[in-house]
Amino acid sequence: MSQTSNEIRNVVDNWVDEKISNIHTALNGKIISYDASINRAIVQPSGTYKTEDYREFAYPIIYNVPVVFPTGMGGNSGVTFPISSGDGCLIIFAEKQLDDFVNNSNTSDDLRKHSLNDAICIPGLYTNATKSNIKHANSVCLFNGPAMIQITENSFSGILNGTDFKFADGDLIVNGISLLHHTHGNVENGGGTFGAVIATKDGELVATGVNRVTASCDPTAHAEVSAIRAAAAKLGTFDLSGYEIYTSCEPCPMCLGAIYWARLDKMYYGNNKTDAKNIGFDDSFIYDELQLKPEDRKLPSEILLHNEALTAFKAWVAKEDRVEY
């Protein structure tokens, strides 16, 4: 009787195992590829399964799997992030077929349940050996490679292009410099109230310049000109194409001309000409002078030794190895 009971138990156990082996709920796995245009992935579940004849096989690759990102407002609000081949994921298998839901229809009569054909991919499942960079459990944190933005109840901070920033208590702090409490070292050291920065389009700093007209007794030592000189010397070229200039004020005619000659791609400025005029730096008369004929300008001028001067131009044109600029 005991032997018969054991045989019945084995038959029942095998039958249950067989049925359970065809019921799929969730498996860890990895993403083979991801198509962001349709939000579908090809995934490889981990582990093995057994057939009715007790043969063991690796789970097959599953194609066209929907990927779940946190979204709301009918899909108009949410968070997405890049997905790479090899990323870990949790693969969930729906209780009922997903064809109608995914295709927004009601035409399928397939009654399958917990099938490999109804997989959903949730990216971000890793082992302890390859865990993600989640380090801020008490705040909302967005990170992409070295870039990071962190939001708490009282602050907004992060790192972008190697620049640290934090906004808290009404103050913005960038690389340790406070917007409310910083000082202007150039002004305190005898320089003017103007500064300029030349950087790449990605924000990487190349060179800086400050106004040192009175400190160096050089009327051309404006911030923009100083920054251009420093950038050209550092890069070893007079052509600054591909770079951008940030300046504290709309440039004067001299600096604007230098910016054009340096071929900088774009200019950003804080204060405008009117702001500069209001603190005593009024260069509007130069713009007015440029609109006049030479003989009508306040600065007397006349042509002198024109023919002799042309010889230098002719020598330039004749020079075969001249460097155009």
Protein backbone atom coordinates (compact mmCIF):
# COMPACT_ATOMS: atom_id res chain seq x y z
CA MET A 1 0.00 0.00 0.00
CA SER A 2 2.85 2.35 0.87
CA GLN A 3 4.54 1.66 -2.45
CA THR A 4 1.30 2.36 -4.30
CA SER A 5 0.88 5.62 -2.40
CA ASN A 6 4.39 6.69 -3.31
CA GLU A 7 3.77 5.87 -6.93
CA ILE A 8 0.56 7.91 -6.92
CA ARG A 9 2.38 10.77 -5.20
CA ASN A 10 5.15 10.68 -7.80
CA VAL A 11 2.62 10.72 -10.62
CA VAL A 12 0.81 13.64 -9.07
CA ASP A 13 4.07 15.51 -8.35
CA ASN A 14 5.25 15.00 -11.92
CA TRP A 15 1.92 16.18 -13.28
CA VAL A 16 2.02 19.29 -11.07
CA ASP A 17 5.62 20.00 -12.04
CA GLU A 18 4.72 19.65 -15.69
CA LYS A 19 1.85 22.09 -15.37
CA ILE A 20 3.82 24.55 -13.28
CA SER A 21 6.70 24.47 -15.75
CA ASN A 22 4.34 25.96 -18.35
CA ILE A 23 3.18 28.75 -16.02
CA HIS A 24 5.55 31.69 -16.16
CA THR A 25 5.23 34.59 -13.71
CA ALA A 26 8.55 36.45 -13.58
CA LEU A 27 12.17 35.79 -14.45
CA ASN A 28 15.33 37.80 -14.22
CA GLY A 29 17.11 38.31 -17.51
CA LYS A 30 19.07 40.65 -19.71
CA ILE A 31 18.25 42.98 -22.56
CA ILE A 32 19.80 41.97 -25.87
CA SER A 33 18.66 45.06 -27.78
CA TYR A 34 16.20 47.92 -27.45
CA ASP A 35 14.34 49.94 -30.09
CA ALA A 36 13.37 53.29 -28.54
CA SER A 37 11.26 54.27 -31.57
CA ILE A 38 8.68 51.59 -30.71
CA ASN A 39 9.66 51.00 -27.06
CA ARG A 40 10.26 47.31 -27.61
CA ALA A 41 13.13 45.07 -26.49
CA ILE A 42 14.58 41.68 -27.28
CA VAL A 43 15.25 39.91 -23.99
CA GLN A 44 16.94 36.72 -22.81
CA PRO A 45 15.44 35.16 -19.65
CA SER A 46 17.90 33.53 -17.28
CA GLY A 47 17.73 29.90 -16.23
CA THR A 48 16.30 26.73 -17.76
CA TYR A 49 13.01 24.89 -18.06
CA LYS A 50 12.06 21.22 -18.42
CA THR A 51 9.95 19.65 -21.15
CA GLU A 52 7.31 16.96 -20.65
CA ASP A 53 9.94 14.31 -21.23
CA TYR A 54 12.14 15.93 -18.56
CA ARG A 55 14.71 17.36 -20.94
CA GLU A 56 16.20 20.67 -19.80
CA PHE A 57 16.64 23.68 -22.08
CA ALA A 58 17.63 27.33 -21.71
CA TYR A 59 14.75 29.76 -22.00
CA PRO A 60 14.38 31.06 -25.55
CA ILE A 61 15.03 34.64 -26.62
CA ILE A 62 11.80 36.67 -26.52
CA TYR A 63 11.17 39.30 -29.19
CA ASN A 64 9.07 42.47 -29.35
CA VAL A 65 8.72 42.83 -25.59
CA PRO A 66 7.10 46.07 -24.27
CA VAL A 67 9.37 48.04 -21.91
CA VAL A 68 7.88 49.73 -18.85
CA PHE A 69 9.07 53.20 -17.77
CA PRO A 70 7.46 55.23 -14.95
CA THR A 71 4.80 57.34 -16.68
CA GLY A 72 1.56 59.13 -15.89
CA MET A 73 -0.94 61.63 -17.29
CA GLY A 74 -1.80 59.34 -20.16
CA GLY A 75 1.84 58.97 -21.12
CA ASN A 76 2.46 62.74 -21.20
CA SER A 77 4.63 62.73 -18.07
CA GLY A 78 7.33 60.33 -17.02
CA VAL A 79 10.98 59.36 -16.84
CA THR A 80 12.94 57.52 -19.50
CA PHE A 81 16.60 56.62 -19.72
CA PRO A 82 19.04 55.01 -22.15
CA ILE A 83 19.06 51.22 -22.34
CA SER A 84 22.13 49.29 -23.44
CA SER A 85 22.67 45.75 -24.58
CA GLY A 86 23.40 43.56 -21.57
CA ASP A 87 21.38 45.61 -19.08
CA GLY A 88 19.66 43.57 -16.40
CA CYS A 89 15.87 43.41 -16.28
CA LEU A 90 12.87 41.77 -14.68
CA ILE A 91 10.66 39.94 -17.18
CA ILE A 92 7.04 39.63 -16.09
CA PHE A 93 4.55 37.35 -17.84
CA ALA A 94 0.94 38.52 -17.91
CA GLU A 95 -1.85 36.37 -16.55
CA LYS A 96 -3.73 36.76 -19.82
CA GLN A 97 -2.66 37.37 -23.39
CA LEU A 98 -1.48 40.94 -24.07
CA ASP A 99 -2.25 41.17 -27.78
CA ASP A 100 -5.51 43.07 -27.36
CA PHE A 101 -4.04 45.48 -24.81
CA VAL A 102 -0.83 46.19 -26.72
CA ASN A 103 -2.63 46.60 -30.05
CA ASN A 104 -5.56 48.51 -28.50
CA SER A 105 -8.04 46.04 -29.93
CA ASN A 106 -10.42 43.30 -28.83
CA THR A 107 -10.09 40.75 -31.59
CA SER A 108 -7.95 37.97 -30.15
CA ASP A 109 -9.60 34.78 -28.88
CA ASP A 110 -6.37 33.31 -27.53
CA LEU A 111 -6.93 32.12 -23.95
CA ARG A 112 -3.28 31.54 -23.07
CA LYS A 113 -2.11 32.44 -19.56
CA HIS A 114 1.34 33.23 -18.14
CA SER A 115 2.88 32.57 -21.52
CA LEU A 116 6.36 33.51 -22.70
CA ASN A 117 4.55 35.30 -25.53
CA ASP A 118 3.12 37.84 -23.08
CA ALA A 119 6.31 39.22 -21.57
CA ILE A 120 6.83 42.71 -20.15
CA CYS A 121 10.33 44.08 -19.52
CA ILE A 122 11.17 46.26 -16.51
CA PRO A 123 14.80 47.41 -16.84
CA GLY A 124 17.07 47.89 -13.84
CA LEU A 125 17.27 44.50 -12.08
CA TYR A 126 20.89 43.72 -11.17
CA THR A 127 22.77 41.36 -8.92
CA ASN A 128 24.82 42.71 -6.04
CA ALA A 129 27.90 42.40 -8.22
CA THR A 130 26.46 44.71 -10.89
CA LYS A 131 24.08 46.87 -8.91
CA SER A 132 23.15 50.30 -10.26
CA ASN A 133 24.37 53.63 -8.94
CA ILE A 134 21.41 54.27 -6.65
CA LYS A 135 23.00 56.16 -3.78
CA HIS A 136 20.34 58.67 -2.75
CA ALA A 137 17.47 56.73 -1.23
CA ASN A 138 15.96 59.80 0.46
CA SER A 139 15.69 61.99 -2.63
CA VAL A 140 14.59 61.96 -6.25
CA CYS A 141 17.72 61.31 -8.28
CA LEU A 142 18.23 61.26 -12.04
CA PHE A 143 21.59 60.08 -13.31
CA ASN A 144 23.09 59.37 -16.70
CA GLY A 145 26.74 58.38 -16.61
CA PRO A 146 28.61 61.07 -14.64
CA ALA A 147 25.69 63.52 -14.89
CA MET A 148 23.31 63.62 -11.93
CA ILE A 149 20.38 65.73 -10.70
CA GLN A 150 19.13 65.30 -7.13
CA ILE A 151 15.94 66.79 -5.70
CA THR A 152 15.10 66.88 -1.99
CA GLU A 153 12.36 68.71 -0.11
CA ASN A 154 14.60 71.75 0.30
CA SER A 155 17.21 71.68 -2.46
CA PHE A 156 18.00 71.03 -6.10
CA SER A 157 21.53 69.94 -6.90
CA GLY A 158 23.61 67.96 -9.34
CA ILE A 159 26.61 67.57 -11.61
CA LEU A 160 26.51 68.47 -15.32
CA ASN A 161 29.58 68.49 -17.57
CA GLY A 162 31.79 68.32 -14.50
CA THR A 163 30.14 71.39 -12.92
CA ASP A 164 28.68 71.04 -9.42
CA PHE A 165 25.61 73.12 -8.63
CA LYS A 166 23.12 73.44 -5.80
CA PHE A 167 20.08 75.63 -5.27
CA ALA A 168 18.96 75.91 -1.66
CA ASP A 169 17.79 78.63 0.73
CA GLY A 170 17.38 81.08 -2.15
CA ASP A 171 21.03 80.80 -3.18
CA LEU A 172 22.64 79.18 -6.21
CA ILE A 173 26.09 77.71 -5.60
CA VAL A 174 28.17 76.65 -8.62
CA ASN A 175 31.52 74.90 -8.05
CA GLY A 176 31.53 76.27 -4.53
CA ILE A 177 30.83 79.88 -5.59
CA SER A 178 27.72 81.47 -4.09
CA LEU A 179 25.56 83.73 -6.24
CA LEU A 180 24.48 85.73 -3.18
CA HIS A 181 27.75 85.88 -1.29
CA HIS A 182 30.51 85.72 -3.90
CA THR A 183 32.98 88.55 -4.36
CA HIS A 184 34.43 90.06 -7.52
CA GLY A 185 38.14 89.54 -7.11
CA ASN A 186 39.12 91.42 -10.26
CA VAL A 187 37.31 94.57 -9.12
CA GLU A 188 38.85 94.31 -5.66
CA ASN A 189 42.29 93.95 -7.25
CA GLY A 190 42.04 97.07 -9.38
CA GLY A 191 40.42 95.60 -12.49
CA GLY A 192 37.20 96.49 -14.27
CA THR A 193 33.75 95.03 -13.73
CA PHE A 194 33.78 92.84 -16.83
CA GLY A 195 34.61 89.19 -17.38
CA ALA A 196 34.48 86.68 -20.23
CA VAL A 197 34.80 82.93 -20.69
CA ILE A 198 35.45 80.86 -23.82
CA ALA A 199 34.19 77.28 -23.72
CA THR A 200 33.24 74.34 -25.90
CA LYS A 201 29.62 73.84 -26.90
CA ASP A 202 29.44 71.19 -24.17
CA GLY A 203 30.44 73.74 -21.55
CA GLU A 204 34.07 72.70 -21.10
CA LEU A 205 36.12 75.71 -20.02
CA VAL A 206 38.92 76.78 -22.38
CA ALA A 207 40.00 80.25 -21.24
CA THR A 208 38.92 83.23 -19.17
CA GLY A 209 39.52 86.95 -19.34
CA VAL A 210 38.85 89.98 -17.17
CA ASN A 211 39.03 93.71 -17.77
CA ARG A 212 42.52 94.99 -16.81
CA VAL A 213 42.55 98.32 -18.64
CA THR A 214 43.49 100.51 -15.68
CA ALA A 215 45.48 97.86 -13.84
CA SER A 216 47.75 97.18 -16.83
CA CYS A 217 47.53 100.61 -18.50
CA ASP A 218 46.30 98.85 -21.66
CA PRO A 219 43.17 100.34 -23.27
CA THR A 220 42.68 97.12 -25.28
CA ALA A 221 42.74 94.84 -22.24
CA HIS A 222 39.00 94.23 -22.28
CA ALA A 223 37.66 90.96 -20.92
CA GLU A 224 36.62 89.53 -24.31
CA VAL A 225 39.93 90.40 -25.97
CA SER A 226 41.85 88.93 -23.02
CA ALA A 227 39.81 85.70 -23.18
CA ILE A 228 40.34 85.41 -26.94
CA ARG A 229 44.09 85.92 -26.56
CA ALA A 230 44.26 83.28 -23.83
CA ALA A 231 42.16 80.76 -25.80
CA ALA A 232 44.15 81.24 -29.00
CA ALA A 233 47.44 80.81 -27.12
CA LYS A 234 46.20 77.68 -25.35
CA LEU A 235 44.75 76.07 -28.48
CA GLY A 236 47.55 77.20 -30.77
CA THR A 237 45.24 78.72 -33.37
CA PHE A 238 43.74 82.07 -34.31
CA ASP A 239 40.57 80.35 -35.57
CA LEU A 240 38.23 79.66 -32.64
CA SER A 241 35.47 78.07 -34.72
CA GLY A 242 33.56 75.49 -32.70
CA TYR A 243 33.85 77.48 -29.47
CA GLU A 244 31.52 79.93 -27.74
CA ILE A 245 32.06 83.03 -25.63
CA TYR A 246 30.22 84.01 -22.45
CA THR A 247 30.63 87.60 -21.35
CA SER A 248 29.24 89.60 -18.47
CA CYS A 249 28.13 92.43 -20.74
CA GLU A 250 27.26 93.07 -24.37
CA PRO A 251 30.63 93.70 -26.03
CA CYS A 252 31.90 97.08 -27.10
CA PRO A 253 32.61 97.60 -30.83
CA MET A 254 36.28 96.64 -30.40
CA CYS A 255 35.46 93.38 -28.63
CA LEU A 256 32.62 92.58 -31.00
CA GLY A 257 35.03 92.96 -33.89
CA ALA A 258 37.53 90.69 -32.13
CA ILE A 259 34.81 88.07 -31.60
CA TYR A 260 33.97 88.12 -35.30
CA TRP A 261 37.63 87.91 -36.29
CA ALA A 262 38.13 84.97 -33.89
CA ARG A 263 35.21 83.21 -35.65
CA LEU A 264 33.54 82.17 -32.41
CA ASP A 265 30.29 80.30 -33.07
CA LYS A 266 28.03 82.02 -30.56
CA MET A 267 28.01 84.76 -27.95
CA TYR A 268 26.13 84.93 -24.64
CA TYR A 269 26.04 88.07 -22.52
CA GLY A 270 24.44 89.13 -19.23
CA ASN A 271 24.13 92.92 -19.14
CA ASN A 272 23.38 94.96 -22.26
CA LYS A 273 24.72 98.28 -23.60
CA THR A 274 22.15 100.27 -21.65
CA ASP A 275 23.17 98.61 -18.38
CA ALA A 276 26.81 99.49 -19.11
CA LYS A 277 25.87 103.07 -19.97
CA ASN A 278 24.05 103.44 -16.65
CA ILE A 279 27.27 102.76 -14.70
CA GLY A 280 29.45 105.02 -16.84
CA PHE A 281 30.59 102.73 -19.67
CA ASP A 282 28.88 104.35 -22.63
CA ASP A 283 30.25 103.18 -25.99
CA SER A 284 27.15 104.06 -28.01
CA PHE A 285 29.00 107.04 -29.51
CA ILE A 286 31.41 104.61 -31.21
CA TYR A 287 28.54 102.83 -32.90
CA ASP A 288 27.25 106.25 -33.99
CA GLU A 289 30.67 107.22 -35.31
CA LEU A 290 30.91 104.07 -37.41
CA GLN A 291 27.80 105.10 -39.30
CA LEU A 292 29.44 108.37 -40.44
CA LYS A 293 31.87 109.08 -43.24
CA PRO A 294 35.47 109.42 -42.04
CA GLU A 295 35.49 113.16 -42.64
CA ASP A 296 32.36 113.59 -40.49
CA ARG A 297 33.62 111.74 -37.42
CA LYS A 298 34.83 113.41 -34.24
CA LEU A 299 38.24 111.79 -34.65
CA PRO A 300 40.08 113.68 -37.42
CA SER A 301 41.56 111.38 -40.06
CA GLU A 302 43.07 111.60 -43.53
CA ILE A 303 44.69 109.31 -46.09
CA LEU A 304 48.49 109.55 -46.07
CA LEU A 305 51.01 107.95 -48.46
CA HIS A 306 48.38 105.77 -50.08
CA ASN A 307 50.55 104.53 -52.95
CA GLU A 308 53.40 103.64 -50.65
CA ALA A 309 51.01 101.78 -48.32
CA LEU A 310 49.68 99.72 -51.22
CA THR A 311 53.09 98.11 -51.69
CA ALA A 312 52.56 96.12 -48.48
CA PHE A 313 49.23 94.84 -49.81
CA LYS A 314 50.77 93.89 -53.11
CA ALA A 315 53.52 92.00 -51.30
CA TRP A 316 50.86 90.09 -49.38
CA VAL A 317 48.96 89.13 -52.52
CA ALA A 318 52.19 87.96 -54.14
CA LYS A 319 53.20 85.81 -51.18
CA GLU A 320 52.41 82.21 -52.19
CA ASP A 321 52.74 80.69 -48.71
CA ARG A 322 50.63 83.28 -46.93
CA VAL A 323 48.26 82.03 -44.19
CA GLU A 324 44.75 83.30 -44.83
CA TYR A 325 42.75 84.55 -41.87
